[in-house]
Structure formats: C-alpha cells, structure tokens
C-alpha cells in the first residue's frame, strides 16, 4: 500500500464516519457505516505510516559498485 491508497482510505473513512453519504438501506442493515469508517481511518493511518517509513529506509540505503579490471 502506498501513500495514495492510504489517502483514499482516509477520505472514504471520513465520509462514512461523518455520514456525508447515506448508504442504501440494504447495505446499512448488513454493515455499520460508522464502524467501517473508523476501520478505514485506522488502516489508512497505518498504511501512510508504513509507506513513509519504507521510503525513509529506501533513501538511507547506499549502493556500492565495485569494478574489477581483468587484464
């Protein structure tokens, strides 16, 4: 998961938590929209945090190139 997916999940979670969009009754009976929103928010925070940590680790990595002259 990257930062983009984390942001999308965060936006979806905030929409569900604030009841900005009314879910159809069939879905509302099966799934609690606010609970699903909070799950999306938590997962998005974890995804963004992991993505930033992996990018930071990737920037610290150095590569050494060794050239040998065979004559």
Protein backbone atom coordinates (compact mmCIF):
# COMPACT_ATOMS: atom_id res chain seq x y z
CA UNK A 1 0.00 0.00 0.00
CA UNK A 2 1.27 3.42 -0.85
CA UNK A 3 0.53 6.90 0.29
CA UNK A 4 -2.13 7.28 -2.40
CA UNK A 5 -4.13 4.29 -1.21
CA UNK A 6 -3.81 5.49 2.38
CA UNK A 7 -5.23 8.88 1.43
CA UNK A 8 -8.12 7.27 -0.48
CA UNK A 9 -8.96 5.08 2.51
CA UNK A 10 -8.75 8.10 4.82
CA UNK A 11 -11.19 10.08 2.68
CA UNK A 12 -13.61 7.13 2.46
CA UNK A 13 -13.39 6.62 6.21
CA UNK A 14 -14.10 10.27 6.94
CA UNK A 15 -17.07 10.22 4.57
CA UNK A 16 -18.53 7.18 6.33
CA UNK A 17 -17.86 8.47 9.85
CA UNK A 18 -19.43 11.88 9.24
CA UNK A 19 -22.44 10.37 7.39
CA UNK A 20 -21.81 12.66 4.44
CA UNK A 21 -23.30 9.99 2.15
CA UNK A 22 -26.35 7.97 3.06
CA UNK A 23 -25.82 4.27 2.37
CA UNK A 24 -28.68 2.24 0.89
CA UNK A 25 -30.87 0.50 3.46
CA UNK A 26 -29.80 -2.98 2.33
CA UNK A 27 -26.14 -2.14 2.98
CA UNK A 28 -26.93 -0.27 6.20
CA UNK A 29 -28.68 -3.38 7.59
CA UNK A 30 -25.62 -5.55 6.89
CA UNK A 31 -22.78 -3.14 7.73
CA UNK A 32 -22.45 -0.40 10.31
CA UNK A 33 -21.19 2.55 8.25
CA UNK A 34 -19.52 4.38 11.11
CA UNK A 35 -17.63 1.29 12.29
CA UNK A 36 -16.45 0.65 8.73
CA UNK A 37 -15.38 4.30 8.51
CA UNK A 38 -13.27 4.02 11.66
CA UNK A 39 -11.68 0.83 10.33
CA UNK A 40 -10.79 2.65 7.09
CA UNK A 41 -9.28 5.54 9.06
CA UNK A 42 -7.13 3.25 11.22
CA UNK A 43 -5.94 1.21 8.23
CA UNK A 44 -5.15 4.39 6.28
CA UNK A 45 -3.04 5.82 9.11
CA UNK A 46 -1.11 2.54 9.31
CA UNK A 47 -0.66 2.44 5.51
CA UNK A 48 0.60 6.03 5.35
CA UNK A 49 2.96 5.45 8.29
CA UNK A 50 4.40 2.26 6.78
CA UNK A 51 4.79 3.90 3.40
CA UNK A 52 6.68 6.84 4.87
CA UNK A 53 8.90 4.53 6.93
CA UNK A 54 9.74 2.40 3.90
CA UNK A 55 10.53 5.48 1.81
CA UNK A 56 12.80 6.78 4.55
CA UNK A 57 14.62 3.45 4.76
CA UNK A 58 14.96 3.33 0.98
CA UNK A 59 16.58 6.78 0.97
CA UNK A 60 19.15 5.72 3.59
CA UNK A 61 20.27 2.69 1.58
CA UNK A 62 23.56 3.13 -0.24
CA UNK A 63 24.82 1.00 -3.09
CA UNK A 64 28.47 0.29 -3.68
CA UNK A 65 29.62 -0.59 -7.15
CA UNK A 66 32.87 -2.49 -7.41
CA UNK A 67 34.70 -2.58 -10.71
CA UNK A 68 37.47 -5.04 -11.36
CA UNK A 69 39.90 -4.67 -14.18
CA UNK A 70 40.76 -8.07 -15.63
CA UNK A 71 43.75 -7.85 -17.92
